[in-house]
């Protein structure tokens, strides 16, 4: 009876991980230049997925992300940035009229993807997976603002989320990158 209980307990932990592992890598997103970027190429890396704002006053956030990426990109770690217009939205005419609202102007080292919706009715498929327990198998984590950070492990499993007001360079994230686990 004890062996049967252990088997089902183990199965309960393994099945959600198997289901979510294949899903993260099944997505293809577009780079900021419009080129396809299959997430399958990130297998074996820890990935921080961040929705970013394109306003110049947030440049310090980009500097922190860029420092983290530069320091750990050789340690099987990467950051994927997704510009979003869901918070403090700018109209298309405002964006066109002010080139200062372009993420390319921040000169970052990490990969930047095309602008997507990270919340609401038009939420991008990857962000549906990141924010819905029914898809990622771990937790519901709606995006509450710009610079929310999702952590994905080397097998493509959803590990955790850091809220927008938490620095990307915090002890939980560093411990996770260093292989000491992630504890919220």
C-alpha atoms as a PDB file:
ATOM      1  CA  UNK A   1       0.000   0.000   0.000  1.00  0.00           C
ATOM      2  CA  UNK A   2       2.857   2.371   0.857  1.00  0.00           C
ATOM      3  CA  UNK A   3       4.507   1.724  -2.547  1.00  0.00           C
ATOM      4  CA  UNK A   4       1.229   2.451  -4.337  1.00  0.00           C
ATOM      5  CA  UNK A   5       0.831   5.719  -2.405  1.00  0.00           C
ATOM      6  CA  UNK A   6       4.424   6.717  -3.251  1.00  0.00           C
ATOM      7  CA  UNK A   7       3.830   5.907  -6.931  1.00  0.00           C
ATOM      8  CA  UNK A   8       0.724   8.116  -7.152  1.00  0.00           C
ATOM      9  CA  UNK A   9       2.398  10.885  -5.178  1.00  0.00           C
ATOM     10  CA  UNK A  10       5.362  10.837  -7.567  1.00  0.00           C
ATOM     11  CA  UNK A  11       3.029  10.708 -10.566  1.00  0.00           C
ATOM     12  CA  UNK A  12       1.210  13.763  -9.234  1.00  0.00           C
ATOM     13  CA  UNK A  13       4.463  15.743  -9.270  1.00  0.00           C
ATOM     14  CA  UNK A  14       5.864  14.412 -12.543  1.00  0.00           C
ATOM     15  CA  UNK A  15       2.829  14.699 -14.833  1.00  0.00           C
ATOM     16  CA  UNK A  16       2.371  18.471 -14.472  1.00  0.00           C
ATOM     17  CA  UNK A  17       6.090  18.980 -15.105  1.00  0.00           C
ATOM     18  CA  UNK A  18       5.990  16.828 -18.253  1.00  0.00           C
ATOM     19  CA  UNK A  19       2.931  18.671 -19.537  1.00  0.00           C
ATOM     20  CA  UNK A  20       4.405  22.108 -19.016  1.00  0.00           C
ATOM     21  CA  UNK A  21       7.901  21.232 -20.251  1.00  0.00           C
ATOM     22  CA  UNK A  22       6.791  20.616 -23.813  1.00  0.00           C
ATOM     23  CA  UNK A  23       4.511  23.650 -23.894  1.00  0.00           C
ATOM     24  CA  UNK A  24       7.068  26.399 -23.221  1.00  0.00           C
ATOM     25  CA  UNK A  25       9.344  25.090 -25.956  1.00  0.00           C
ATOM     26  CA  UNK A  26       6.459  24.669 -28.395  1.00  0.00           C
ATOM     27  CA  UNK A  27       6.057  28.443 -28.790  1.00  0.00           C
ATOM     28  CA  UNK A  28       7.644  30.532 -31.481  1.00  0.00           C
ATOM     29  CA  UNK A  29       7.656  34.274 -30.934  1.00  0.00           C
ATOM     30  CA  UNK A  30       8.939  37.084 -33.126  1.00  0.00           C
ATOM     31  CA  UNK A  31      12.006  39.210 -32.469  1.00  0.00           C
ATOM     32  CA  UNK A  32      11.711  42.973 -32.467  1.00  0.00           C
ATOM     33  CA  UNK A  33      12.870  42.798 -36.103  1.00  0.00           C
ATOM     34  CA  UNK A  34       9.975  40.464 -36.966  1.00  0.00           C
ATOM     35  CA  UNK A  35      12.064  37.297 -37.294  1.00  0.00           C
ATOM     36  CA  UNK A  36      10.728  34.001 -35.901  1.00  0.00           C
ATOM     37  CA  UNK A  37      12.355  32.960 -32.615  1.00  0.00           C
ATOM     38  CA  UNK A  38      11.544  29.356 -31.648  1.00  0.00           C
ATOM     39  CA  UNK A  39      11.762  28.940 -27.881  1.00  0.00           C
ATOM     40  CA  UNK A  40      12.999  25.387 -28.514  1.00  0.00           C
ATOM     41  CA  UNK A  41      16.464  26.918 -28.984  1.00  0.00           C
ATOM     42  CA  UNK A  42      16.501  27.799 -25.281  1.00  0.00           C
ATOM     43  CA  UNK A  43      16.429  24.202 -24.026  1.00  0.00           C
ATOM     44  CA  UNK A  44      19.024  23.774 -21.302  1.00  0.00           C
ATOM     45  CA  UNK A  45      18.927  27.449 -20.269  1.00  0.00           C
ATOM     46  CA  UNK A  46      17.220  29.236 -17.426  1.00  0.00           C
ATOM     47  CA  UNK A  47      15.005  31.923 -18.930  1.00  0.00           C
ATOM     48  CA  UNK A  48      13.642  35.114 -17.422  1.00  0.00           C
ATOM     49  CA  UNK A  49      10.691  36.390 -19.462  1.00  0.00           C
ATOM     50  CA  UNK A  50       9.998  40.078 -18.806  1.00  0.00           C
ATOM     51  CA  UNK A  51       7.326  42.375 -20.152  1.00  0.00           C
ATOM     52  CA  UNK A  52       8.934  45.770 -20.560  1.00  0.00           C
ATOM     53  CA  UNK A  53       7.693  49.292 -21.020  1.00  0.00           C
ATOM     54  CA  UNK A  54       9.027  51.460 -23.779  1.00  0.00           C
ATOM     55  CA  UNK A  55       9.100  54.769 -21.940  1.00  0.00           C
ATOM     56  CA  UNK A  56      12.469  56.489 -21.493  1.00  0.00           C
ATOM     57  CA  UNK A  57      11.951  57.215 -17.785  1.00  0.00           C
ATOM     58  CA  UNK A  58      12.225  53.483 -17.127  1.00  0.00           C
ATOM     59  CA  UNK A  59      15.781  53.229 -18.414  1.00  0.00           C
ATOM     60  CA  UNK A  60      17.101  52.223 -14.939  1.00  0.00           C
ATOM     61  CA  UNK A  61      15.031  49.006 -15.152  1.00  0.00           C
ATOM     62  CA  UNK A  62      16.750  48.174 -18.444  1.00  0.00           C
ATOM     63  CA  UNK A  63      20.171  48.788 -16.908  1.00  0.00           C
ATOM     64  CA  UNK A  64      19.444  46.318 -14.096  1.00  0.00           C
ATOM     65  CA  UNK A  65      18.201  43.666 -16.537  1.00  0.00           C
ATOM     66  CA  UNK A  66      21.190  44.231 -18.809  1.00  0.00           C
ATOM     67  CA  UNK A  67      23.635  43.918 -15.896  1.00  0.00           C
ATOM     68  CA  UNK A  68      22.007  40.656 -14.791  1.00  0.00           C
ATOM     69  CA  UNK A  69      22.086  39.285 -18.333  1.00  0.00           C
ATOM     70  CA  UNK A  70      25.685  40.366 -18.965  1.00  0.00           C
ATOM     71  CA  UNK A  71      26.876  38.866 -15.698  1.00  0.00           C
ATOM     72  CA  UNK A  72      25.145  35.473 -16.135  1.00  0.00           C
ATOM     73  CA  UNK A  73      24.588  34.911 -19.863  1.00  0.00           C
ATOM     74  CA  UNK A  74      27.555  32.511 -19.911  1.00  0.00           C
ATOM     75  CA  UNK A  75      25.911  30.473 -17.121  1.00  0.00           C
ATOM     76  CA  UNK A  76      23.083  29.011 -19.227  1.00  0.00           C
ATOM     77  CA  UNK A  77      20.852  31.990 -18.426  1.00  0.00           C
ATOM     78  CA  UNK A  78      19.035  34.383 -20.719  1.00  0.00           C
ATOM     79  CA  UNK A  79      16.427  37.104 -20.604  1.00  0.00           C
ATOM     80  CA  UNK A  80      13.671  37.552 -23.169  1.00  0.00           C
ATOM     81  CA  UNK A  81      12.082  41.001 -23.153  1.00  0.00           C
ATOM     82  CA  UNK A  82       8.609  41.581 -24.554  1.00  0.00           C
ATOM     83  CA  UNK A  83       7.593  45.218 -25.012  1.00  0.00           C
ATOM     84  CA  UNK A  84       4.008  45.712 -23.925  1.00  0.00           C
ATOM     85  CA  UNK A  85       1.525  48.518 -24.280  1.00  0.00           C
ATOM     86  CA  UNK A  86      -0.910  47.153 -21.664  1.00  0.00           C
ATOM     87  CA  UNK A  87       0.129  49.485 -18.861  1.00  0.00           C
ATOM     88  CA  UNK A  88       0.472  53.226 -19.376  1.00  0.00           C
ATOM     89  CA  UNK A  89      -0.667  52.646 -22.956  1.00  0.00           C
ATOM     90  CA  UNK A  90       0.493  54.798 -25.803  1.00  0.00           C
ATOM     91  CA  UNK A  91      -1.546  55.160 -28.936  1.00  0.00           C
ATOM     92  CA  UNK A  92       0.011  54.198 -32.255  1.00  0.00           C
ATOM     93  CA  UNK A  93       0.229  57.886 -33.172  1.00  0.00           C
ATOM     94  CA  UNK A  94       2.022  58.693 -29.875  1.00  0.00           C
ATOM     95  CA  UNK A  95       4.516  55.893 -30.522  1.00  0.00           C
ATOM     96  CA  UNK A  96       5.100  57.055 -34.104  1.00  0.00           C
ATOM     97  CA  UNK A  97       5.434  60.709 -33.058  1.00  0.00           C
ATOM     98  CA  UNK A  98       8.030  60.026 -30.362  1.00  0.00           C
ATOM     99  CA  UNK A  99      10.859  57.686 -31.337  1.00  0.00           C
ATOM    100  CA  UNK A 100      12.051  57.880 -27.704  1.00  0.00           C
ATOM    101  CA  UNK A 101       9.422  55.259 -26.980  1.00  0.00           C
ATOM    102  CA  UNK A 102      11.317  52.555 -28.844  1.00  0.00           C
ATOM    103  CA  UNK A 103      13.046  49.825 -26.854  1.00  0.00           C
ATOM    104  CA  UNK A 104      15.893  49.754 -29.382  1.00  0.00           C
ATOM    105  CA  UNK A 105      16.988  53.098 -27.968  1.00  0.00           C
ATOM    106  CA  UNK A 106      17.956  51.437 -24.666  1.00  0.00           C
ATOM    107  CA  UNK A 107      20.860  49.469 -26.195  1.00  0.00           C
ATOM    108  CA  UNK A 108      20.462  46.234 -24.247  1.00  0.00           C
ATOM    109  CA  UNK A 109      22.411  42.993 -24.720  1.00  0.00           C
ATOM    110  CA  UNK A 110      19.586  40.508 -24.114  1.00  0.00           C
ATOM    111  CA  UNK A 111      17.135  39.404 -26.824  1.00  0.00           C
ATOM    112  CA  UNK A 112      14.157  41.678 -27.383  1.00  0.00           C
ATOM    113  CA  UNK A 113      11.009  40.309 -28.942  1.00  0.00           C
ATOM    114  CA  UNK A 114       8.180  42.006 -30.823  1.00  0.00           C
ATOM    115  CA  UNK A 115       5.597  43.960 -28.862  1.00  0.00           C
ATOM    116  CA  UNK A 116       2.796  41.756 -27.507  1.00  0.00           C
ATOM    117  CA  UNK A 117      -0.232  42.044 -25.292  1.00  0.00           C
ATOM    118  CA  UNK A 118       0.517  40.520 -21.862  1.00  0.00           C
ATOM    119  CA  UNK A 119      -2.967  40.929 -20.377  1.00  0.00           C
ATOM    120  CA  UNK A 120      -6.569  41.327 -21.380  1.00  0.00           C
ATOM    121  CA  UNK A 121      -8.548  39.889 -24.251  1.00  0.00           C
ATOM    122  CA  UNK A 122      -5.703  39.939 -26.787  1.00  0.00           C
ATOM    123  CA  UNK A 123      -3.086  38.326 -24.529  1.00  0.00           C
ATOM    124  CA  UNK A 124      -0.312  36.628 -26.508  1.00  0.00           C
ATOM    125  CA  UNK A 125      -0.315  32.795 -26.407  1.00  0.00           C
ATOM    126  CA  UNK A 126       3.016  32.633 -24.538  1.00  0.00           C
ATOM    127  CA  UNK A 127       1.674  35.013 -21.901  1.00  0.00           C
ATOM    128  CA  UNK A 128      -1.459  32.889 -21.583  1.00  0.00           C
ATOM    129  CA  UNK A 129       0.854  29.997 -20.693  1.00  0.00           C
ATOM    130  CA  UNK A 130       2.906  32.133 -18.296  1.00  0.00           C
ATOM    131  CA  UNK A 131      -0.113  33.488 -16.433  1.00  0.00           C
ATOM    132  CA  UNK A 132      -2.562  30.572 -16.267  1.00  0.00           C
ATOM    133  CA  UNK A 133      -2.142  27.551 -14.008  1.00  0.00           C
ATOM    134  CA  UNK A 134      -4.361  25.522 -16.312  1.00  0.00           C
ATOM    135  CA  UNK A 135      -1.653  25.899 -18.977  1.00  0.00           C
ATOM    136  CA  UNK A 136       1.628  26.105 -17.028  1.00  0.00           C
ATOM    137  CA  UNK A 137       0.653  23.539 -14.402  1.00  0.00           C
ATOM    138  CA  UNK A 138       1.977  25.562 -11.457  1.00  0.00           C
ATOM    139  CA  UNK A 139       0.288  28.885 -10.707  1.00  0.00           C
ATOM    140  CA  UNK A 140      -1.982  31.651 -11.866  1.00  0.00           C
ATOM    141  CA  UNK A 141       0.120  34.801 -12.127  1.00  0.00           C
ATOM    142  CA  UNK A 142      -1.621  37.608 -13.994  1.00  0.00           C
ATOM    143  CA  UNK A 143       0.648  40.409 -15.140  1.00  0.00           C
ATOM    144  CA  UNK A 144       0.086  43.376 -12.845  1.00  0.00           C
ATOM    145  CA  UNK A 145       2.462  45.893 -14.429  1.00  0.00           C
ATOM    146  CA  UNK A 146       5.520  46.439 -16.556  1.00  0.00           C
ATOM    147  CA  UNK A 147       8.685  44.556 -15.635  1.00  0.00           C
ATOM    148  CA  UNK A 148       6.998  41.447 -14.227  1.00  0.00           C
ATOM    149  CA  UNK A 149       9.518  38.624 -14.430  1.00  0.00           C
ATOM    150  CA  UNK A 150       8.680  34.945 -15.082  1.00  0.00           C
ATOM    151  CA  UNK A 151      11.319  32.296 -14.378  1.00  0.00           C
ATOM    152  CA  UNK A 152      11.552  29.158 -16.529  1.00  0.00           C
ATOM    153  CA  UNK A 153      14.028  26.380 -15.726  1.00  0.00           C
ATOM    154  CA  UNK A 154      16.336  24.449 -18.067  1.00  0.00           C
ATOM    155  CA  UNK A 155      13.630  21.880 -18.811  1.00  0.00           C
ATOM    156  CA  UNK A 156      11.066  24.543 -19.722  1.00  0.00           C
ATOM    157  CA  UNK A 157       9.108  24.323 -16.474  1.00  0.00           C
ATOM    158  CA  UNK A 158       7.501  27.396 -14.906  1.00  0.00           C
ATOM    159  CA  UNK A 159       9.405  28.084 -11.664  1.00  0.00           C
ATOM    160  CA  UNK A 160       8.223  31.400 -10.302  1.00  0.00           C
ATOM    161  CA  UNK A 161       7.315  35.009 -10.853  1.00  0.00           C
ATOM    162  CA  UNK A 162       8.764  38.253  -9.555  1.00  0.00           C
ATOM    163  CA  UNK A 163       6.372  41.175  -9.398  1.00  0.00           C
ATOM    164  CA  UNK A 164       7.072  44.440 -11.227  1.00  0.00           C
ATOM    165  CA  UNK A 165       8.268  46.245  -8.087  1.00  0.00           C
ATOM    166  CA  UNK A 166      10.847  43.530  -7.284  1.00  0.00           C
ATOM    167  CA  UNK A 167      14.312  43.975  -8.722  1.00  0.00           C
ATOM    168  CA  UNK A 168      15.500  41.421 -11.252  1.00  0.00           C
ATOM    169  CA  UNK A 169      18.750  41.409  -9.274  1.00  0.00           C
ATOM    170  CA  UNK A 170      17.369  40.026  -5.999  1.00  0.00           C
ATOM    171  CA  UNK A 171      18.520  37.128  -3.826  1.00  0.00           C
ATOM    172  CA  UNK A 172      15.720  34.771  -4.959  1.00  0.00           C
ATOM    173  CA  UNK A 173      16.629  35.242  -8.625  1.00  0.00           C
ATOM    174  CA  UNK A 174      20.361  34.987  -7.946  1.00  0.00           C
ATOM    175  CA  UNK A 175      19.927  31.796  -5.896  1.00  0.00           C
ATOM    176  CA  UNK A 176      17.866  30.345  -8.749  1.00  0.00           C
ATOM    177  CA  UNK A 177      20.515  31.245 -11.346  1.00  0.00           C
ATOM    178  CA  UNK A 178      23.233  29.788  -9.115  1.00  0.00           C
ATOM    179  CA  UNK A 179      21.309  26.510  -8.844  1.00  0.00           C
ATOM    180  CA  UNK A 180      20.336  26.903  -5.192  1.00  0.00           C
ATOM    181  CA  UNK A 181      16.616  26.734  -5.944  1.00  0.00           C
ATOM    182  CA  UNK A 182      13.893  29.331  -6.004  1.00  0.00           C
ATOM    183  CA  UNK A 183      11.970  30.119  -2.853  1.00  0.00           C
ATOM    184  CA  UNK A 184       9.355  32.857  -2.882  1.00  0.00           C
END
